[in-house]
Structures are given as structure tokens and as C-alpha cells.
C-alpha atoms as a PDB file:
ATOM      1  CA  UNK A   1      13.517  -1.906   3.227  1.00  0.00           C
ATOM      2  CA  UNK A   2      10.741  -3.357   5.136  1.00  0.00           C
ATOM      3  CA  UNK A   3      11.909  -1.171   8.119  1.00  0.00           C
ATOM      4  CA  UNK A   4      11.392   2.101   5.516  1.00  0.00           C
ATOM      5  CA  UNK A   5       7.968   0.571   3.927  1.00  0.00           C
ATOM      6  CA  UNK A   6       6.681   0.002   7.390  1.00  0.00           C
ATOM      7  CA  UNK A   7       7.499   3.369   8.209  1.00  0.00           C
ATOM      8  CA  UNK A   8       6.831   5.674   5.336  1.00  0.00           C
ATOM      9  CA  UNK A   9       3.573   3.502   4.149  1.00  0.00           C
ATOM     10  CA  UNK A  10       2.033   3.466   7.854  1.00  0.00           C
ATOM     11  CA  UNK A  11       3.109   7.690   8.862  1.00  0.00           C
ATOM     12  CA  UNK A  12       1.365   8.429   5.207  1.00  0.00           C
ATOM     13  CA  UNK A  13      -1.788   7.451   6.030  1.00  0.00           C
ATOM     14  CA  UNK A  14      -2.056   9.852   8.681  1.00  0.00           C
ATOM     15  CA  UNK A  15       0.030  12.414   6.443  1.00  0.00           C
ATOM     16  CA  UNK A  16      -2.587  12.091   3.882  1.00  0.00           C
ATOM     17  CA  UNK A  17      -5.394  12.455   6.142  1.00  0.00           C
ATOM     18  CA  UNK A  18      -3.506  15.986   7.409  1.00  0.00           C
ATOM     19  CA  UNK A  19      -3.209  17.026   3.173  1.00  0.00           C
ATOM     20  CA  UNK A  20      -7.236  16.988   2.922  1.00  0.00           C
ATOM     21  CA  UNK A  21      -7.152  20.432   4.769  1.00  0.00           C
ATOM     22  CA  UNK A  22      -5.423  21.573   1.663  1.00  0.00           C
ATOM     23  CA  UNK A  23      -6.231  19.734  -1.160  1.00  0.00           C
ATOM     24  CA  UNK A  24      -9.302  17.024  -2.499  1.00  0.00           C
ATOM     25  CA  UNK A  25      -8.416  13.262  -2.055  1.00  0.00           C
ATOM     26  CA  UNK A  26      -8.408  13.404  -5.774  1.00  0.00           C
ATOM     27  CA  UNK A  27      -5.912  16.316  -6.170  1.00  0.00           C
ATOM     28  CA  UNK A  28      -3.776  14.739  -3.689  1.00  0.00           C
ATOM     29  CA  UNK A  29      -3.730  11.160  -5.484  1.00  0.00           C
ATOM     30  CA  UNK A  30      -2.546  13.017  -8.695  1.00  0.00           C
ATOM     31  CA  UNK A  31       0.025  14.980  -7.317  1.00  0.00           C
ATOM     32  CA  UNK A  32       1.854  12.326  -4.738  1.00  0.00           C
ATOM     33  CA  UNK A  33       1.809  10.217  -8.115  1.00  0.00           C
ATOM     34  CA  UNK A  34       3.525  13.000 -10.474  1.00  0.00           C
ATOM     35  CA  UNK A  35       6.047  13.787  -7.776  1.00  0.00           C
ATOM     36  CA  UNK A  36       6.636   9.531  -7.343  1.00  0.00           C
ATOM     37  CA  UNK A  37       6.984   9.460 -11.228  1.00  0.00           C
ATOM     38  CA  UNK A  38       9.272  12.529 -10.928  1.00  0.00           C
ATOM     39  CA  UNK A  39      11.584  10.985  -8.116  1.00  0.00           C
ATOM     40  CA  UNK A  40      11.998   7.067  -9.898  1.00  0.00           C
ATOM     41  CA  UNK A  41      12.957   9.162 -12.608  1.00  0.00           C
ATOM     42  CA  UNK A  42      15.839  10.767 -11.085  1.00  0.00           C
ATOM     43  CA  UNK A  43      16.852   7.898  -9.466  1.00  0.00           C
ATOM     44  CA  UNK A  44      16.767   6.185 -13.114  1.00  0.00           C
ATOM     45  CA  UNK A  45      18.970   8.766 -14.411  1.00  0.00           C
ATOM     46  CA  UNK A  46      21.280   8.872 -11.513  1.00  0.00           C
ATOM     47  CA  UNK A  47      22.168   5.168 -11.761  1.00  0.00           C
ATOM     48  CA  UNK A  48      22.139   5.227 -15.889  1.00  0.00           C
ATOM     49  CA  UNK A  49      19.341   3.347 -16.445  1.00  0.00           C
ATOM     50  CA  UNK A  50      17.765   3.594 -19.963  1.00  0.00           C
ATOM     51  CA  UNK A  51      13.733   4.255 -19.957  1.00  0.00           C
ATOM     52  CA  UNK A  52      12.979   1.660 -22.379  1.00  0.00           C
ATOM     53  CA  UNK A  53       9.344   0.769 -21.976  1.00  0.00           C
ATOM     54  CA  UNK A  54       8.199  -2.299 -20.017  1.00  0.00           C
ATOM     55  CA  UNK A  55       5.957  -4.233 -21.843  1.00  0.00           C
ATOM     56  CA  UNK A  56       2.542  -2.055 -22.484  1.00  0.00           C
ATOM     57  CA  UNK A  57      -0.154  -4.149 -22.067  1.00  0.00           C
ATOM     58  CA  UNK A  58       0.690  -5.722 -18.201  1.00  0.00           C
ATOM     59  CA  UNK A  59       2.375  -2.539 -17.253  1.00  0.00           C
ATOM     60  CA  UNK A  60      -0.513  -0.450 -17.926  1.00  0.00           C
ATOM     61  CA  UNK A  61      -2.659  -3.107 -16.023  1.00  0.00           C
ATOM     62  CA  UNK A  62      -0.123  -2.704 -13.129  1.00  0.00           C
ATOM     63  CA  UNK A  63      -0.762   0.866 -13.213  1.00  0.00           C
ATOM     64  CA  UNK A  64      -4.452   0.608 -13.510  1.00  0.00           C
ATOM     65  CA  UNK A  65      -4.865  -1.303 -10.040  1.00  0.00           C
ATOM     66  CA  UNK A  66      -1.473  -0.662  -8.262  1.00  0.00           C
ATOM     67  CA  UNK A  67      -1.415   2.889  -8.836  1.00  0.00           C
ATOM     68  CA  UNK A  68      -5.010   4.568  -9.840  1.00  0.00           C
ATOM     69  CA  UNK A  69      -7.038   2.216  -8.367  1.00  0.00           C
ATOM     70  CA  UNK A  70      -5.535   2.061  -4.918  1.00  0.00           C
ATOM     71  CA  UNK A  71      -4.838   5.554  -4.494  1.00  0.00           C
ATOM     72  CA  UNK A  72      -8.374   6.803  -5.943  1.00  0.00           C
ATOM     73  CA  UNK A  73     -10.134   4.432  -3.643  1.00  0.00           C
ATOM     74  CA  UNK A  74      -7.959   5.044  -0.603  1.00  0.00           C
ATOM     75  CA  UNK A  75      -8.139   8.492  -0.980  1.00  0.00           C
ATOM     76  CA  UNK A  76     -11.660   8.666  -0.894  1.00  0.00           C
ATOM     77  CA  UNK A  77     -12.373   6.393   1.946  1.00  0.00           C
ATOM     78  CA  UNK A  78      -9.814   8.529   4.032  1.00  0.00           C
ATOM     79  CA  UNK A  79     -12.155  11.701   3.456  1.00  0.00           C
ATOM     80  CA  UNK A  80     -15.088  10.104   5.465  1.00  0.00           C
ATOM     81  CA  UNK A  81     -13.170   7.453   7.757  1.00  0.00           C
ATOM     82  CA  UNK A  82     -10.857   7.912   9.876  1.00  0.00           C
ATOM     83  CA  UNK A  83      -6.927   7.177   9.174  1.00  0.00           C
ATOM     84  CA  UNK A  84      -6.023   4.079  11.308  1.00  0.00           C
ATOM     85  CA  UNK A  85      -9.354   2.385  10.522  1.00  0.00           C
ATOM     86  CA  UNK A  86      -9.168   2.733   6.768  1.00  0.00           C
ATOM     87  CA  UNK A  87      -5.110   1.884   6.586  1.00  0.00           C
ATOM     88  CA  UNK A  88      -6.827  -1.097   8.377  1.00  0.00           C
ATOM     89  CA  UNK A  89      -9.629  -2.082   6.120  1.00  0.00           C
ATOM     90  CA  UNK A  90      -7.024  -1.530   2.918  1.00  0.00           C
ATOM     91  CA  UNK A  91      -4.466  -4.405   4.378  1.00  0.00           C
ATOM     92  CA  UNK A  92      -7.267  -7.318   3.814  1.00  0.00           C
ATOM     93  CA  UNK A  93      -4.791  -6.879   0.977  1.00  0.00           C
ATOM     94  CA  UNK A  94      -2.639  -9.961   2.231  1.00  0.00           C
ATOM     95  CA  UNK A  95      -5.517 -12.289   2.487  1.00  0.00           C
ATOM     96  CA  UNK A  96      -6.917 -11.492  -1.091  1.00  0.00           C
ATOM     97  CA  UNK A  97      -3.515 -11.887  -2.137  1.00  0.00           C
ATOM     98  CA  UNK A  98      -3.364 -15.520  -0.439  1.00  0.00           C
ATOM     99  CA  UNK A  99      -6.747 -16.301  -2.249  1.00  0.00           C
ATOM    100  CA  UNK A 100      -5.465 -14.993  -5.374  1.00  0.00           C
ATOM    101  CA  UNK A 101      -2.022 -16.428  -5.468  1.00  0.00           C
ATOM    102  CA  UNK A 102      -3.697 -19.777  -4.578  1.00  0.00           C
ATOM    103  CA  UNK A 103      -5.923 -19.921  -7.760  1.00  0.00           C
ATOM    104  CA  UNK A 104      -3.678 -17.971 -10.544  1.00  0.00           C
ATOM    105  CA  UNK A 105      -0.178 -18.715  -8.979  1.00  0.00           C
ATOM    106  CA  UNK A 106      -0.660 -21.899  -7.634  1.00  0.00           C
ATOM    107  CA  UNK A 107       1.400 -20.940  -4.602  1.00  0.00           C
ATOM    108  CA  UNK A 108       0.815 -22.845  -0.885  1.00  0.00           C
ATOM    109  CA  UNK A 109       1.841 -21.667   2.404  1.00  0.00           C
ATOM    110  CA  UNK A 110       3.356 -23.794   5.394  1.00  0.00           C
ATOM    111  CA  UNK A 111       0.961 -25.014   8.359  1.00  0.00           C
ATOM    112  CA  UNK A 112       3.317 -22.737  10.851  1.00  0.00           C
ATOM    113  CA  UNK A 113       2.812 -19.876   7.902  1.00  0.00           C
ATOM    114  CA  UNK A 114      -1.249 -20.739   8.092  1.00  0.00           C
ATOM    115  CA  UNK A 115      -1.067 -20.076  11.812  1.00  0.00           C
ATOM    116  CA  UNK A 116       0.494 -16.769  11.638  1.00  0.00           C
ATOM    117  CA  UNK A 117      -1.961 -15.703   8.821  1.00  0.00           C
ATOM    118  CA  UNK A 118      -4.760 -16.943  11.497  1.00  0.00           C
ATOM    119  CA  UNK A 119      -3.095 -14.715  13.864  1.00  0.00           C
ATOM    120  CA  UNK A 120      -2.847 -11.575  11.804  1.00  0.00           C
ATOM    121  CA  UNK A 121      -6.475 -11.845  10.765  1.00  0.00           C
ATOM    122  CA  UNK A 122      -7.434 -11.901  14.316  1.00  0.00           C
ATOM    123  CA  UNK A 123      -5.279  -8.843  15.259  1.00  0.00           C
ATOM    124  CA  UNK A 124      -7.010  -7.260  12.045  1.00  0.00           C
ATOM    125  CA  UNK A 125     -10.226  -7.663  13.357  1.00  0.00           C
ATOM    126  CA  UNK A 126      -9.001  -6.552  16.646  1.00  0.00           C
ATOM    127  CA  UNK A 127      -8.166  -3.708  15.076  1.00  0.00           C
ATOM    128  CA  UNK A 128     -11.272  -3.561  13.084  1.00  0.00           C
ATOM    129  CA  UNK A 129     -13.851  -3.812  15.839  1.00  0.00           C
ATOM    130  CA  UNK A 130     -16.198  -4.814  13.430  1.00  0.00           C
ATOM    131  CA  UNK A 131     -19.055  -4.877  16.729  1.00  0.00           C
ATOM    132  CA  UNK A 132     -18.644  -0.790  16.744  1.00  0.00           C
ATOM    133  CA  UNK A 133     -17.556   0.026  13.182  1.00  0.00           C
ATOM    134  CA  UNK A 134     -20.671   2.169  12.980  1.00  0.00           C
ATOM    135  CA  UNK A 135     -22.809   3.382  10.172  1.00  0.00           C
ATOM    136  CA  UNK A 136     -19.806   4.320   7.714  1.00  0.00           C
ATOM    137  CA  UNK A 137     -20.254   1.667   5.224  1.00  0.00           C
ATOM    138  CA  UNK A 138     -19.245   3.313   1.849  1.00  0.00           C
ATOM    139  CA  UNK A 139     -15.657   4.931   3.484  1.00  0.00           C
ATOM    140  CA  UNK A 140     -15.428   0.862   4.599  1.00  0.00           C
ATOM    141  CA  UNK A 141     -16.382  -0.247   0.925  1.00  0.00           C
ATOM    142  CA  UNK A 142     -13.383   1.815  -0.829  1.00  0.00           C
ATOM    143  CA  UNK A 143     -11.285   0.763   1.702  1.00  0.00           C
ATOM    144  CA  UNK A 144     -11.707  -2.682   1.009  1.00  0.00           C
ATOM    145  CA  UNK A 145     -11.809  -2.299  -2.522  1.00  0.00           C
ATOM    146  CA  UNK A 146      -8.708  -0.306  -2.459  1.00  0.00           C
ATOM    147  CA  UNK A 147      -7.203  -3.786  -0.316  1.00  0.00           C
ATOM    148  CA  UNK A 148      -8.634  -5.677  -3.293  1.00  0.00           C
ATOM    149  CA  UNK A 149      -7.320  -3.711  -6.452  1.00  0.00           C
ATOM    150  CA  UNK A 150      -3.764  -3.895  -4.679  1.00  0.00           C
ATOM    151  CA  UNK A 151      -3.534  -7.914  -4.179  1.00  0.00           C
ATOM    152  CA  UNK A 152      -5.042  -8.208  -7.938  1.00  0.00           C
ATOM    153  CA  UNK A 153      -1.707  -6.035  -8.978  1.00  0.00           C
ATOM    154  CA  UNK A 154       0.325  -8.307  -6.883  1.00  0.00           C
ATOM    155  CA  UNK A 155      -0.631 -11.184  -9.051  1.00  0.00           C
ATOM    156  CA  UNK A 156      -0.276  -9.572 -12.230  1.00  0.00           C
ATOM    157  CA  UNK A 157       3.020  -8.293 -11.344  1.00  0.00           C
ATOM    158  CA  UNK A 158       4.278 -12.159 -10.423  1.00  0.00           C
ATOM    159  CA  UNK A 159       2.783 -13.319 -13.744  1.00  0.00           C
ATOM    160  CA  UNK A 160       4.562 -10.420 -15.699  1.00  0.00           C
ATOM    161  CA  UNK A 161       7.754 -11.364 -14.177  1.00  0.00           C
ATOM    162  CA  UNK A 162       7.189 -14.555 -15.084  1.00  0.00           C
ATOM    163  CA  UNK A 163       6.797 -14.175 -18.508  1.00  0.00           C
ATOM    164  CA  UNK A 164       9.189 -11.431 -19.007  1.00  0.00           C
ATOM    165  CA  UNK A 165      12.769 -10.249 -17.613  1.00  0.00           C
ATOM    166  CA  UNK A 166      12.112  -6.731 -16.342  1.00  0.00           C
ATOM    167  CA  UNK A 167      14.847  -4.306 -14.554  1.00  0.00           C
ATOM    168  CA  UNK A 168      12.426  -3.997 -10.921  1.00  0.00           C
ATOM    169  CA  UNK A 169      13.136   0.089 -11.259  1.00  0.00           C
ATOM    170  CA  UNK A 170      12.144   0.471 -14.524  1.00  0.00           C
ATOM    171  CA  UNK A 171       8.874  -1.663 -14.242  1.00  0.00           C
ATOM    172  CA  UNK A 172       8.025   0.706 -10.919  1.00  0.00           C
ATOM    173  CA  UNK A 173       8.706   3.741 -12.952  1.00  0.00           C
ATOM    174  CA  UNK A 174       6.462   3.273 -16.112  1.00  0.00           C
ATOM    175  CA  UNK A 175       3.547   1.283 -13.989  1.00  0.00           C
ATOM    176  CA  UNK A 176       3.293   4.703 -12.090  1.00  0.00           C
ATOM    177  CA  UNK A 177       3.719   6.683 -15.272  1.00  0.00           C
ATOM    178  CA  UNK A 178       1.127   4.664 -16.787  1.00  0.00           C
ATOM    179  CA  UNK A 179      -0.836   5.068 -13.638  1.00  0.00           C
ATOM    180  CA  UNK A 180      -0.553   8.617 -13.953  1.00  0.00           C
ATOM    181  CA  UNK A 181      -2.898   8.487 -17.024  1.00  0.00           C
ATOM    182  CA  UNK A 182      -6.429   7.179 -15.741  1.00  0.00           C
ATOM    183  CA  UNK A 183      -5.688   9.816 -12.653  1.00  0.00           C
ATOM    184  CA  UNK A 184      -5.550  12.992 -15.275  1.00  0.00           C
ATOM    185  CA  UNK A 185      -8.576  11.074 -17.369  1.00  0.00           C
ATOM    186  CA  UNK A 186     -10.740  11.023 -14.223  1.00  0.00           C
ATOM    187  CA  UNK A 187     -10.005  14.753 -12.980  1.00  0.00           C
ATOM    188  CA  UNK A 188     -12.873  16.362 -14.463  1.00  0.00           C
ATOM    189  CA  UNK A 189     -15.092  14.100 -12.851  1.00  0.00           C
ATOM    190  CA  UNK A 190     -14.031  14.573  -9.326  1.00  0.00           C
ATOM    191  CA  UNK A 191     -15.050  18.200  -7.445  1.00  0.00           C
ATOM    192  CA  UNK A 192     -12.156  20.211  -7.399  1.00  0.00           C
ATOM    193  CA  UNK A 193     -11.128  23.256  -5.213  1.00  0.00           C
ATOM    194  CA  UNK A 194      -8.264  25.720  -5.139  1.00  0.00           C
ATOM    195  CA  UNK A 195      -5.048  24.455  -3.716  1.00  0.00           C
ATOM    196  CA  UNK A 196      -4.048  25.844  -0.316  1.00  0.00           C
ATOM    197  CA  UNK A 197      -0.608  25.784  -0.818  1.00  0.00           C
ATOM    198  CA  UNK A 198       1.723  26.431   2.188  1.00  0.00           C
ATOM    199  CA  UNK A 199       4.984  25.055   3.596  1.00  0.00           C
ATOM    200  CA  UNK A 200       2.615  22.092   5.342  1.00  0.00           C
ATOM    201  CA  UNK A 201       1.203  21.175   2.131  1.00  0.00           C
ATOM    202  CA  UNK A 202       4.815  21.142   0.327  1.00  0.00           C
ATOM    203  CA  UNK A 203       6.129  18.345   3.058  1.00  0.00           C
ATOM    204  CA  UNK A 204       2.654  16.638   2.976  1.00  0.00           C
ATOM    205  CA  UNK A 205       3.412  15.961  -0.668  1.00  0.00           C
ATOM    206  CA  UNK A 206       7.030  15.407  -0.535  1.00  0.00           C
ATOM    207  CA  UNK A 207       6.785  12.674   2.171  1.00  0.00           C
ATOM    208  CA  UNK A 208       3.438  10.800   0.210  1.00  0.00           C
ATOM    209  CA  UNK A 209       5.164  11.481  -3.574  1.00  0.00           C
ATOM    210  CA  UNK A 210       8.715  10.719  -2.985  1.00  0.00           C
ATOM    211  CA  UNK A 211       9.416   8.277   0.342  1.00  0.00           C
ATOM    212  CA  UNK A 212       5.933   6.884   0.334  1.00  0.00           C
ATOM    213  CA  UNK A 213       5.284   6.860  -3.076  1.00  0.00           C
ATOM    214  CA  UNK A 214       7.971   6.584  -5.147  1.00  0.00           C
ATOM    215  CA  UNK A 215      10.712   4.939  -2.588  1.00  0.00           C
ATOM    216  CA  UNK A 216       7.975   3.039  -1.190  1.00  0.00           C
ATOM    217  CA  UNK A 217       6.668   1.620  -4.074  1.00  0.00           C
ATOM    218  CA  UNK A 218       9.930   0.868  -5.588  1.00  0.00           C
ATOM    219  CA  UNK A 219      10.860  -0.974  -2.453  1.00  0.00           C
ATOM    220  CA  UNK A 220       7.679  -3.295  -2.542  1.00  0.00           C
ATOM    221  CA  UNK A 221       8.156  -3.987  -6.183  1.00  0.00           C
ATOM    222  CA  UNK A 222      11.961  -5.043  -5.079  1.00  0.00           C
ATOM    223  CA  UNK A 223       9.982  -7.442  -2.180  1.00  0.00           C
ATOM    224  CA  UNK A 224       7.444  -8.690  -4.936  1.00  0.00           C
ATOM    225  CA  UNK A 225      10.681 -10.056  -6.724  1.00  0.00           C
ATOM    226  CA  UNK A 226      12.215 -11.312  -4.271  1.00  0.00           C
ATOM    227  CA  UNK A 227       9.109 -13.110  -2.321  1.00  0.00           C
ATOM    228  CA  UNK A 228       6.303 -15.293  -3.295  1.00  0.00           C
ATOM    229  CA  UNK A 229       2.946 -13.043  -3.438  1.00  0.00           C
ATOM    230  CA  UNK A 230       1.803 -14.418  -0.214  1.00  0.00           C
ATOM    231  CA  UNK A 231       4.939 -13.691   1.627  1.00  0.00           C
ATOM    232  CA  UNK A 232       5.381 -10.419   0.215  1.00  0.00           C
ATOM    233  CA  UNK A 233       2.038  -9.750   1.322  1.00  0.00           C
ATOM    234  CA  UNK A 234       2.100 -10.843   4.501  1.00  0.00           C
ATOM    235  CA  UNK A 235       5.327  -9.533   5.360  1.00  0.00           C
ATOM    236  CA  UNK A 236       3.914  -5.715   5.205  1.00  0.00           C
ATOM    237  CA  UNK A 237       0.890  -6.556   7.874  1.00  0.00           C
ATOM    238  CA  UNK A 238       2.929  -4.188  10.537  1.00  0.00           C
ATOM    239  CA  UNK A 239       1.739  -1.033   8.267  1.00  0.00           C
ATOM    240  CA  UNK A 240      -1.922  -0.769   9.623  1.00  0.00           C
ATOM    241  CA  UNK A 241      -0.715  -1.582  13.612  1.00  0.00           C
ATOM    242  CA  UNK A 242       1.847   1.522  12.651  1.00  0.00           C
ATOM    243  CA  UNK A 243      -0.743   3.164  10.895  1.00  0.00           C
ATOM    244  CA  UNK A 244      -3.075   2.983  14.115  1.00  0.00           C
ATOM    245  CA  UNK A 245       0.028   4.029  16.325  1.00  0.00           C
ATOM    246  CA  UNK A 246       0.722   7.408  14.263  1.00  0.00           C
ATOM    247  CA  UNK A 247      -2.907   8.130  14.183  1.00  0.00           C
ATOM    248  CA  UNK A 248      -2.569   8.506  17.815  1.00  0.00           C
ATOM    249  CA  UNK A 249       0.673  10.303  18.548  1.00  0.00           C
ATOM    250  CA  UNK A 250       0.011  12.776  15.471  1.00  0.00           C
ATOM    251  CA  UNK A 251      -3.810  13.559  15.563  1.00  0.00           C
ATOM    252  CA  UNK A 252      -4.938  11.942  18.815  1.00  0.00           C
ATOM    253  CA  UNK A 253      -6.683   9.238  17.343  1.00  0.00           C
ATOM    254  CA  UNK A 254      -6.324   6.756  20.284  1.00  0.00           C
ATOM    255  CA  UNK A 255      -6.315   3.632  20.141  1.00  0.00           C
ATOM    256  CA  UNK A 256      -8.782   0.994  21.950  1.00  0.00           C
ATOM    257  CA  UNK A 257      -7.519  -1.929  24.217  1.00  0.00           C
ATOM    258  CA  UNK A 258      -8.874  -4.103  21.096  1.00  0.00           C
ATOM    259  CA  UNK A 259      -6.769  -2.251  18.703  1.00  0.00           C
ATOM    260  CA  UNK A 260      -3.513  -2.048  21.167  1.00  0.00           C
ATOM    261  CA  UNK A 261      -4.219  -6.201  21.622  1.00  0.00           C
ATOM    262  CA  UNK A 262      -4.644  -6.233  17.611  1.00  0.00           C
ATOM    263  CA  UNK A 263      -1.180  -4.966  17.167  1.00  0.00           C
ATOM    264  CA  UNK A 264       0.366  -7.411  19.480  1.00  0.00           C
ATOM    265  CA  UNK A 265      -1.212 -10.066  17.454  1.00  0.00           C
ATOM    266  CA  UNK A 266      -0.033  -8.687  14.228  1.00  0.00           C
ATOM    267  CA  UNK A 267       3.839  -8.612  15.708  1.00  0.00           C
ATOM    268  CA  UNK A 268       3.465 -12.132  16.840  1.00  0.00           C
ATOM    269  CA  UNK A 269       2.396 -13.373  13.507  1.00  0.00           C
ATOM    270  CA  UNK A 270       5.420 -11.499  11.742  1.00  0.00           C
ATOM    271  CA  UNK A 271       7.552 -13.091  14.021  1.00  0.00           C
ATOM    272  CA  UNK A 272       6.270 -16.411  13.346  1.00  0.00           C
ATOM    273  CA  UNK A 273       6.864 -15.915   9.601  1.00  0.00           C
ATOM    274  CA  UNK A 274      10.373 -14.740  10.183  1.00  0.00           C
ATOM    275  CA  UNK A 275      11.385 -17.715  12.191  1.00  0.00           C
ATOM    276  CA  UNK A 276      11.736 -20.448   9.314  1.00  0.00           C
ATOM    277  CA  UNK A 277      14.244 -17.810   7.301  1.00  0.00           C
ATOM    278  CA  UNK A 278      16.077 -17.287  10.281  1.00  0.00           C
ATOM    279  CA  UNK A 279      16.105 -20.655  11.343  1.00  0.00           C
ATOM    280  CA  UNK A 280      17.558 -21.813   7.670  1.00  0.00           C
ATOM    281  CA  UNK A 281      19.863 -18.578   7.634  1.00  0.00           C
ATOM    282  CA  UNK A 282      21.209 -20.198  11.046  1.00  0.00           C
ATOM    283  CA  UNK A 283      21.542 -23.597   9.767  1.00  0.00           C
END
């Protein structure tokens, strides 16, 4: 599941950046979410699940943060920022999650895991290169806000699971559906343009909506159901490294030596995180 998530979400930053040539950021967010809802509805139908709504208020909050808030902030950030850089700023999410999980869920990390956090933070800083950011602070701020609302959604999902027994697929479907409503309400407030329909746009929407949207969010919710909020968040730190690599391969955003070193540090952090689980399984 992690391999699929790393590839789909890492590549989706570049795919979304390419999609801005055919539609506005807000149009892409809305179309992607609608396709994600349709994908999960089809999966639910094929697996024989009922469309019984999950608890309304926490599901709405989850959709507001995880779907609507995250998509609006990140897509607007992509308008002015590079795909690789924006993805890294959004993936400050694990560190926000660790803080929120400590406060609201009383989760703790072991010393080896804190070492992994330190390595991952150093890797993110190396990829980010704050010493040479330039003056595009609005894009940076929007991307960080995207990471913050995503972290809040992880806490909401964990607290909801502690209070209610919900099916992961059903919850993912309903939070996406609830998250679509704010996007529809906000549509008139954002500048629009006529969609440039083409095979390229169809491919972009299928990748972004079906694979990264519907299936990707389902995998994320499954990970949240099986891991602590902090561990689930740390397990996706490879995605910004994948995004930087794919931005280089697909649109020529060449990573610097610092960014390459950052990817190595994140890989080392992920290895440290997996060692205790591997050791216990071996035992």
C-alpha cells in the first residue's frame, strides 16, 4: 500500500502542475474530487457495501480539512510554486501531526523514532533549501497551510475511530463527498476559464482523480486505521522525495545536490522507522 501511495501521490504533484495548462487550480480540485467520489462509489457498489452515512459532524470536519482545505491550499500553491518545492512544504504535515497527536491523542515516540524524525526533518530542510527560497512567500505559506489542515484531519480521523465503529471505505467515500460541497460553494469566488478538453487533460484527471484521489485517499485511511497518527504520517515522508524525482524526470525541475542529499536522509529515516517492526516480526 505504501509503494502505491508513494508513487501515486508523489507523481500527482507533477501531474497537477501539468494540468494547470488546461484548467484553473480550483477547477482541477473540484474535478479531481468528483472523480475520486465516483471511484469509491463504484468500489463500494462492487464490494456490496451500503451507502449508510457515517457520523455527520466528524465526517464533515474530516472532509472540510482532508479534502476541501488540503486541495484548495495545495493547488493554489502550485499556481505560483514549483511542484517539487510545494510538495515538500506540504509534507511538513508529519511534524504538525506529531505535535497535535501529542496534545490531543497522547501519542509518544520511542528514542529511535525521534532519531528518524530528526533525520527526516534534516532531509526536508535540505530539499527545501530555506537559504535560497527566493521571494515567493505566498506559495510557501499556502503549501504549509495545506500540510497543517491535513495534519488536523489525521487527528479528527483517529478521534472519530476511537468514538465510532466505521468502515474505512465508507468513511473515505463520505468524507470525500462532504469535502466536495465546500468546493462547489466556493466555485463562484475563484476565477474560472473555459476548460481546454483534450486527451492530455483526460489522462491528468484520471490519474489525479481515480488513482491519487479515490484509491490514494482510501489507502491513507487504511494506514490511519492500522497505525498511530504519528507513525502513519511519518511513513509517507518518502512522497516529497518521489515528487522531487518525478519533477526532474517529467518537467525538468532538476534537483540540487542539497535536494538529492535530502532524499537520502528521508530514506534513512524511513529505514529507521521500519527496523523495530521488522525486528519484532523476525522475532
